[in-house]
């Protein structure tokens, strides 16, 4: 076991990682211990996961009163959001019914509608779904007629999404103020990896409730989560996304046949490298059980030793929560090169450099208008 893995396993990295790896540590926590766990969990957007662990361990009736009140309040919010996501999915299906396009729900909405453990206690900011690129005009027209509009009015932003990215500009419903992201790929058009979205749509599984909706096949659900985190993410909420992967792998991995299907699908979809990183870091950080033969099946995607050592060092810091009430400089330093890496993988240099320069100039102009002087994050 590496030094990082030992540190994670002992809980020295903080109380949140300790209980994520070993939920039995929740038993008998005093108020100060719960305060430390929940302060880290709030910062990492993982209070819902802690609440679910506490409920599964039968701790609700024995929790300190302030802790129980906090977890109950979070459950009220997440239960309401879950109902709203189900309703939004029905409205999306109804809006697209005349087009004949069946949307494939992605990420959190897919976990919720498929009834997966990864949906428990989850907070939602939008609903993502996948449609065929050659039907985008029909889909967008149907959604506009259904009351969704784009908040991106700048011509550059519109071109950025429509020419280079894997989705339409985000849409907001005029009455409900809910947000949706309409994807035609799972990674940008300009990305270095090129998973075929048609294969993912073909393997998607239709749902009876709500009707007119599908969710990705189990292997594709894991691969999309891995690609999103290790290819297209800035890691600001990296631990939350890694917890998603852990939950998906534990749930689907109970079927021994899942693992060879997953690794074969990763090779087929050009996603072996993100899956290699997912296996490696889910096991190191959260103790996710990954069979040796599954790890060996994607070992060919392992990068050279120098690159791997650098990624391990950066990701170990990115996945380690800040101590309660304090921000670790090491984590902040690690997040910046990971942010640049995500953009580098997303776009070639000839597009990336002008794009980042434009974002920096717009951010500076906005801060000057507000009378603020703050560091610019590209």
Protein backbone atom coordinates (compact mmCIF):
# COMPACT_ATOMS: atom_id res chain seq x y z
CA UNK A 1 0.00 0.00 0.00
CA UNK A 2 1.35 3.42 -0.94
CA UNK A 3 1.88 6.25 1.51
CA UNK A 4 -1.18 8.08 0.25
CA UNK A 5 -3.35 4.99 0.55
CA UNK A 6 -2.11 4.39 4.12
CA UNK A 7 -2.93 7.97 5.03
CA UNK A 8 -6.43 7.65 3.59
CA UNK A 9 -7.01 4.31 5.29
CA UNK A 10 -6.00 5.55 8.75
CA UNK A 11 -8.25 8.56 8.53
CA UNK A 12 -5.38 11.01 9.11
CA UNK A 13 -6.58 12.98 6.08
CA UNK A 14 -9.69 13.94 8.01
CA UNK A 15 -12.90 12.68 9.58
CA UNK A 16 -14.98 12.70 6.38
CA UNK A 17 -12.72 10.32 4.46
CA UNK A 18 -12.51 8.11 7.52
CA UNK A 19 -16.29 7.60 7.66
CA UNK A 20 -16.62 7.26 3.89
CA UNK A 21 -14.12 4.40 3.99
CA UNK A 22 -15.48 2.88 7.19
CA UNK A 23 -19.06 3.93 8.05
CA UNK A 24 -18.78 2.16 11.42
CA UNK A 25 -16.75 5.19 12.54
CA UNK A 26 -20.06 7.06 12.72
CA UNK A 27 -21.14 4.88 15.65
CA UNK A 28 -20.65 6.70 18.90
CA UNK A 29 -19.43 10.00 17.44
CA UNK A 30 -19.90 12.83 19.91
CA UNK A 31 -21.15 16.28 18.94
CA UNK A 32 -17.65 17.57 18.22
CA UNK A 33 -16.93 14.58 15.99
CA UNK A 34 -20.16 15.05 14.06
CA UNK A 35 -19.44 18.75 13.69
CA UNK A 36 -16.07 17.97 12.09
CA UNK A 37 -17.58 15.39 9.71
CA UNK A 38 -20.48 17.60 8.65
CA UNK A 39 -18.37 20.70 8.13
CA UNK A 40 -16.17 18.78 5.71
CA UNK A 41 -19.17 17.08 4.12
CA UNK A 42 -20.91 20.41 3.49
CA UNK A 43 -17.83 21.78 1.74
CA UNK A 44 -17.58 18.64 -0.42
CA UNK A 45 -21.33 18.48 -1.18
CA UNK A 46 -21.52 15.12 0.60
CA UNK A 47 -23.90 15.73 3.51
CA UNK A 48 -26.44 13.56 1.71
CA UNK A 49 -24.00 10.69 1.58
CA UNK A 50 -23.27 11.00 5.31
CA UNK A 51 -27.01 11.18 6.06
CA UNK A 52 -27.58 8.01 4.04
CA UNK A 53 -24.76 6.20 5.86
CA UNK A 54 -26.20 7.23 9.23
CA UNK A 55 -29.67 6.01 8.27
CA UNK A 56 -28.33 2.70 6.93
CA UNK A 57 -26.55 2.15 10.25
CA UNK A 58 -29.76 2.85 12.19
CA UNK A 59 -28.32 5.88 13.93
CA UNK A 60 -31.13 8.39 13.39
CA UNK A 61 -32.71 7.96 16.83
CA UNK A 62 -29.38 8.16 18.68
CA UNK A 63 -27.92 11.22 16.98
CA UNK A 64 -27.25 14.40 18.96
CA UNK A 65 -30.24 16.71 18.49
CA UNK A 66 -28.39 19.37 16.42
CA UNK A 67 -26.99 16.67 14.12
CA UNK A 68 -30.36 15.03 13.62
CA UNK A 69 -31.92 18.42 12.85
CA UNK A 70 -29.20 19.14 10.28
CA UNK A 71 -29.58 15.79 8.52
CA UNK A 72 -33.38 15.97 8.59
CA UNK A 73 -33.27 19.45 7.03
CA UNK A 74 -30.99 18.17 4.28
CA UNK A 75 -33.33 15.25 3.60
CA UNK A 76 -36.29 17.61 3.24
CA UNK A 77 -34.40 19.56 0.58
CA UNK A 78 -33.14 16.51 -1.30
CA UNK A 79 -36.52 14.77 -1.21
CA UNK A 80 -38.08 17.88 -2.72
CA UNK A 81 -35.38 18.09 -5.39
CA UNK A 82 -35.78 14.40 -6.23
CA UNK A 83 -39.51 14.95 -6.84
CA UNK A 84 -38.68 17.98 -8.99
CA UNK A 85 -36.18 16.02 -11.09
CA UNK A 86 -38.74 13.26 -11.69
CA UNK A 87 -41.28 15.89 -12.74
CA UNK A 88 -38.75 17.62 -15.00
CA UNK A 89 -37.93 14.30 -16.66
CA UNK A 90 -41.62 13.80 -17.41
CA UNK A 91 -41.86 17.29 -18.89
CA UNK A 92 -38.79 16.71 -21.06
CA UNK A 93 -40.23 13.42 -22.33
CA UNK A 94 -43.56 15.11 -23.05
CA UNK A 95 -41.88 17.98 -24.90
CA UNK A 96 -39.88 15.57 -27.07
CA UNK A 97 -42.65 13.03 -27.66
CA UNK A 98 -43.65 14.51 -31.02
CA UNK A 99 -40.04 14.30 -32.26
CA UNK A 100 -39.78 10.58 -31.54
CA UNK A 101 -36.48 11.19 -29.70
CA UNK A 102 -36.10 9.25 -26.44
CA UNK A 103 -33.75 11.22 -24.13
CA UNK A 104 -31.11 9.23 -22.26
CA UNK A 105 -30.73 10.71 -18.80
CA UNK A 106 -27.19 11.24 -17.55
CA UNK A 107 -25.36 11.53 -14.22
CA UNK A 108 -27.51 12.37 -11.18
CA UNK A 109 -30.85 12.25 -12.99
CA UNK A 110 -29.99 8.79 -14.32
CA UNK A 111 -28.99 7.56 -10.85
CA UNK A 112 -32.26 8.84 -9.40
CA UNK A 113 -34.58 7.50 -12.11
CA UNK A 114 -32.80 4.13 -12.09
CA UNK A 115 -33.18 3.90 -8.29
CA UNK A 116 -29.44 3.62 -7.62
CA UNK A 117 -27.71 4.16 -4.25
CA UNK A 118 -25.71 7.02 -5.76
CA UNK A 119 -28.91 9.10 -5.83
CA UNK A 120 -29.49 8.97 -2.07
CA UNK A 121 -29.31 12.42 -0.51
CA UNK A 122 -28.10 14.01 -3.72
CA UNK A 123 -28.44 17.72 -4.47
CA UNK A 124 -29.27 18.66 -8.08
CA UNK A 125 -28.37 21.78 -10.02
CA UNK A 126 -29.67 20.63 -13.42
CA UNK A 127 -30.88 17.68 -15.48
CA UNK A 128 -28.55 16.30 -18.15
CA UNK A 129 -29.61 14.07 -21.03
CA UNK A 130 -28.26 12.71 -24.30
CA UNK A 131 -29.89 12.95 -27.74
CA UNK A 132 -28.63 12.29 -31.29
CA UNK A 133 -26.63 15.14 -32.78
CA UNK A 134 -28.50 14.96 -36.08
CA UNK A 135 -31.76 15.61 -34.19
CA UNK A 136 -30.51 18.58 -32.17
CA UNK A 137 -32.45 21.17 -34.16
CA UNK A 138 -35.74 19.30 -33.64
CA UNK A 139 -34.99 18.70 -29.98
CA UNK A 140 -34.06 22.31 -29.32
CA UNK A 141 -37.13 23.55 -31.15
CA UNK A 142 -39.40 21.28 -29.12
CA UNK A 143 -37.80 22.39 -25.86
CA UNK A 144 -38.10 26.07 -26.78
CA UNK A 145 -41.77 25.50 -27.55
CA UNK A 146 -42.07 23.81 -24.15
CA UNK A 147 -40.82 26.89 -22.31
CA UNK A 148 -37.06 26.38 -22.01
CA UNK A 149 -34.79 29.25 -23.10
CA UNK A 150 -31.04 29.81 -23.26
CA UNK A 151 -29.35 32.08 -20.74
CA UNK A 152 -26.29 32.35 -23.01
CA UNK A 153 -26.93 35.44 -25.12
CA UNK A 154 -23.35 36.30 -26.04
CA UNK A 155 -22.58 35.21 -29.66
CA UNK A 156 -19.19 33.83 -28.61
CA UNK A 157 -20.78 31.66 -25.92
CA UNK A 158 -23.33 30.33 -28.39
CA UNK A 159 -20.59 29.46 -30.89
CA UNK A 160 -18.41 27.92 -28.17
CA UNK A 161 -21.14 25.47 -27.21
CA UNK A 162 -22.50 24.75 -30.67
CA UNK A 163 -19.19 24.29 -32.50
CA UNK A 164 -16.80 22.90 -29.91
CA UNK A 165 -18.69 21.44 -27.00
CA UNK A 166 -20.70 18.27 -26.42
CA UNK A 167 -23.92 20.05 -25.50
CA UNK A 168 -26.22 22.91 -26.37
CA UNK A 169 -25.94 26.10 -24.34
CA UNK A 170 -27.69 25.41 -20.99
CA UNK A 171 -31.46 25.93 -21.01
CA UNK A 172 -33.71 27.31 -18.26
CA UNK A 173 -37.45 26.87 -17.99
CA UNK A 174 -39.18 30.24 -17.89
CA UNK A 175 -41.82 29.24 -15.33
CA UNK A 176 -40.11 26.60 -13.16
CA UNK A 177 -36.61 28.14 -13.37
CA UNK A 178 -35.17 24.64 -13.68
CA UNK A 179 -32.04 24.05 -15.74
CA UNK A 180 -31.30 21.33 -18.30
CA UNK A 181 -28.22 20.42 -20.32
CA UNK A 182 -28.84 18.79 -23.70
CA UNK A 183 -25.87 16.61 -24.67
CA UNK A 184 -25.13 15.02 -28.03
CA UNK A 185 -21.83 13.51 -26.83
CA UNK A 186 -20.38 12.77 -23.40
CA UNK A 187 -17.12 14.62 -24.15
CA UNK A 188 -16.53 17.76 -26.23
CA UNK A 189 -16.21 17.58 -30.01
CA UNK A 190 -12.60 18.74 -29.67
CA UNK A 191 -11.63 16.26 -26.91
CA UNK A 192 -8.77 13.84 -27.34
CA UNK A 193 -10.94 10.83 -26.46
CA UNK A 194 -13.80 10.03 -28.83
CA UNK A 195 -16.40 7.71 -27.27
CA UNK A 196 -19.17 6.97 -29.74
CA UNK A 197 -22.47 8.37 -28.36
CA UNK A 198 -24.50 6.27 -30.82
CA UNK A 199 -23.25 3.11 -29.10
CA UNK A 200 -24.23 4.48 -25.72
CA UNK A 201 -27.70 5.44 -26.91
CA UNK A 202 -28.18 2.03 -28.52
CA UNK A 203 -27.36 0.26 -25.25
CA UNK A 204 -29.51 2.57 -23.09
CA UNK A 205 -32.32 0.99 -21.10
CA UNK A 206 -35.87 2.42 -21.43
CA UNK A 207 -37.76 3.11 -18.21
CA UNK A 208 -41.40 2.33 -17.53
CA UNK A 209 -41.66 5.21 -15.05
CA UNK A 210 -41.40 7.83 -16.30
CA UNK A 211 -42.22 6.60 -19.81
CA UNK A 212 -40.35 7.96 -22.81
CA UNK A 213 -37.06 8.11 -20.89
CA UNK A 214 -33.98 5.88 -20.89
CA UNK A 215 -30.86 5.58 -18.74
CA UNK A 216 -27.41 4.36 -19.78
CA UNK A 217 -26.50 0.70 -19.44
CA UNK A 218 -24.58 -0.02 -16.20
CA UNK A 219 -21.14 -0.11 -17.86
CA UNK A 220 -21.84 3.09 -19.78
CA UNK A 221 -23.06 4.80 -16.61
CA UNK A 222 -19.75 4.04 -14.90
CA UNK A 223 -17.71 5.04 -17.94
CA UNK A 224 -19.51 8.35 -18.30
CA UNK A 225 -18.88 9.09 -14.62
CA UNK A 226 -15.19 8.21 -15.04
CA UNK A 227 -14.85 10.27 -18.22
CA UNK A 228 -16.59 13.24 -16.62
CA UNK A 229 -14.29 13.18 -13.59
CA UNK A 230 -10.93 12.25 -15.07
CA UNK A 231 -11.18 13.92 -18.46
CA UNK A 232 -13.65 16.79 -18.26
CA UNK A 233 -13.72 17.92 -14.62
CA UNK A 234 -11.86 20.67 -12.78
CA UNK A 235 -11.93 18.61 -9.51
CA UNK A 236 -13.49 21.35 -7.40
CA UNK A 237 -16.08 18.73 -6.41
CA UNK A 238 -13.87 15.81 -7.33
CA UNK A 239 -14.43 13.86 -4.13
CA UNK A 240 -18.22 13.93 -4.62
CA UNK A 241 -17.77 12.55 -8.14
CA UNK A 242 -15.35 9.90 -6.89
CA UNK A 243 -17.96 8.84 -4.31
CA UNK A 244 -20.42 8.44 -7.19
CA UNK A 245 -17.98 6.08 -8.90
CA UNK A 246 -17.44 4.14 -5.69
CA UNK A 247 -21.19 3.66 -5.23
CA UNK A 248 -21.76 2.67 -8.86
CA UNK A 249 -18.90 0.15 -8.83
CA UNK A 250 -20.01 -1.40 -5.54
CA UNK A 251 -23.63 -1.66 -6.73
CA UNK A 252 -23.09 -3.01 -10.22
CA UNK A 253 -19.97 -4.96 -9.19
CA UNK A 254 -22.06 -7.31 -7.05
CA UNK A 255 -22.67 -9.09 -10.36
CA UNK A 256 -19.40 -10.82 -11.25
CA UNK A 257 -20.23 -10.55 -14.95
CA UNK A 258 -20.26 -6.76 -14.73
CA UNK A 259 -16.49 -6.38 -14.47
CA UNK A 260 -15.41 -8.03 -17.75
CA UNK A 261 -18.28 -6.26 -19.53
CA UNK A 262 -17.14 -2.93 -18.09
CA UNK A 263 -13.50 -3.27 -19.08
CA UNK A 264 -14.37 -4.53 -22.58
CA UNK A 265 -16.75 -1.61 -23.03
CA UNK A 266 -14.05 0.82 -21.87
CA UNK A 267 -11.75 -0.35 -24.64
CA UNK A 268 -14.58 -0.24 -27.19
CA UNK A 269 -15.49 3.35 -26.28
CA UNK A 270 -11.91 4.66 -26.01
CA UNK A 271 -12.33 5.22 -22.26
CA UNK A 272 -9.81 2.77 -20.83
CA UNK A 273 -7.60 5.55 -19.42
CA UNK A 274 -10.36 7.26 -17.41
CA UNK A 275 -11.44 3.84 -16.13
CA UNK A 276 -7.85 3.03 -15.15
CA UNK A 277 -7.72 6.24 -13.09
CA UNK A 278 -11.18 5.56 -11.65
CA UNK A 279 -10.18 2.08 -10.47
CA UNK A 280 -6.87 3.33 -9.07
CA UNK A 281 -8.14 6.32 -7.13
CA UNK A 282 -11.49 4.94 -5.98
CA UNK A 283 -9.57 2.04 -4.43
CA UNK A 284 -6.89 4.28 -2.92
CA UNK A 285 -9.19 6.97 -1.53
CA UNK A 286 -12.40 5.08 -0.68
CA UNK A 287 -11.32 1.45 -0.55
CA UNK A 288 -13.50 0.51 -3.52
CA UNK A 289 -13.13 -3.24 -4.15
CA UNK A 290 -11.82 -3.67 -7.71
CA UNK A 291 -11.05 -7.26 -8.82
CA UNK A 292 -7.44 -7.81 -9.87
CA UNK A 293 -8.45 -9.10 -13.29
CA UNK A 294 -10.52 -5.97 -13.93
CA UNK A 295 -7.62 -3.73 -12.97
CA UNK A 296 -5.29 -5.79 -15.18
CA UNK A 297 -7.69 -5.50 -18.14
CA UNK A 298 -7.20 -1.70 -18.31
CA UNK A 299 -3.55 -1.71 -17.26
CA UNK A 300 -2.48 -1.08 -20.87
CA UNK A 301 -3.89 2.42 -20.48
CA UNK A 302 -1.44 3.11 -17.64
CA UNK A 303 0.64 6.20 -18.50
CA UNK A 304 4.42 6.43 -18.20
CA UNK A 305 5.81 6.43 -14.62
CA UNK A 306 6.55 10.16 -14.48
CA UNK A 307 3.10 11.17 -15.70
CA UNK A 308 1.44 8.66 -13.39
CA UNK A 309 3.42 9.86 -10.36
CA UNK A 310 2.43 13.46 -11.12
CA UNK A 311 -1.25 12.56 -11.51
CA UNK A 312 -1.17 10.53 -8.29
CA UNK A 313 0.33 13.44 -6.37
CA UNK A 314 -2.14 15.99 -7.72
CA UNK A 315 -5.18 13.76 -7.31
CA UNK A 316 -4.22 12.69 -3.78
CA UNK A 317 -4.36 16.34 -2.79
CA UNK A 318 -7.49 17.11 -4.81
CA UNK A 319 -9.43 14.23 -3.25
CA UNK A 320 -8.38 15.07 0.33
CA UNK A 321 -10.94 17.39 1.96
CA UNK A 322 -9.79 20.59 3.60
CA UNK A 323 -9.77 20.47 7.40
CA UNK A 324 -12.89 21.97 8.98
CA UNK A 325 -12.73 25.74 8.83
CA UNK A 326 -9.45 25.87 6.91
CA UNK A 327 -8.28 25.66 3.28
CA UNK A 328 -5.10 23.74 2.61
CA UNK A 329 -2.65 25.51 0.28
CA UNK A 330 -1.51 22.13 -1.11
CA UNK A 331 -5.01 21.35 -2.33
CA UNK A 332 -5.51 24.77 -3.89
CA UNK A 333 -2.16 24.49 -5.65
CA UNK A 334 -3.05 21.03 -7.00
CA UNK A 335 -6.43 22.15 -8.33
CA UNK A 336 -4.98 24.72 -10.72
CA UNK A 337 -2.89 22.33 -12.89
CA UNK A 338 -5.79 19.86 -12.84
CA UNK A 339 -8.08 22.62 -14.09
CA UNK A 340 -5.65 23.45 -16.89
CA UNK A 341 -5.31 19.75 -17.69
CA UNK A 342 -9.08 19.37 -18.09
CA UNK A 343 -9.11 22.21 -20.61
CA UNK A 344 -6.04 20.86 -22.39
CA UNK A 345 -7.77 17.50 -22.85
CA UNK A 346 -10.94 19.28 -23.94
CA UNK A 347 -9.54 21.55 -26.66
CA UNK A 348 -6.40 21.80 -28.83
CA UNK A 349 -3.99 24.64 -28.05
CA UNK A 350 -5.03 26.70 -31.09
CA UNK A 351 -8.54 26.93 -29.61
CA UNK A 352 -7.70 26.72 -25.91
CA UNK A 353 -5.32 29.67 -25.62
CA UNK A 354 -7.66 32.25 -27.23
CA UNK A 355 -10.59 30.81 -25.27
CA UNK A 356 -8.84 31.12 -21.90
CA UNK A 357 -7.58 34.59 -22.78
CA UNK A 358 -11.11 35.66 -23.61
CA UNK A 359 -12.46 34.22 -20.34
CA UNK A 360 -9.76 36.04 -18.38
CA UNK A 361 -10.50 39.36 -20.08
CA UNK A 362 -14.25 38.99 -19.48
CA UNK A 363 -13.72 38.08 -15.83
CA UNK A 364 -11.47 41.09 -15.31
CA UNK A 365 -13.97 43.42 -16.98
CA UNK A 366 -16.81 42.07 -14.83
CA UNK A 367 -14.83 42.57 -11.62
CA UNK A 368 -13.85 46.08 -12.60
CA UNK A 369 -17.52 46.93 -13.19
CA UNK A 370 -18.31 45.68 -9.68
CA UNK A 371 -15.41 47.63 -8.22
CA UNK A 372 -13.70 44.45 -7.08
CA UNK A 373 -10.03 43.54 -7.36
CA UNK A 374 -9.70 39.76 -7.12
CA UNK A 375 -7.41 37.13 -8.64
CA UNK A 376 -8.70 35.81 -11.97
CA UNK A 377 -9.30 32.09 -12.35
CA UNK A 378 -8.96 31.08 -15.98
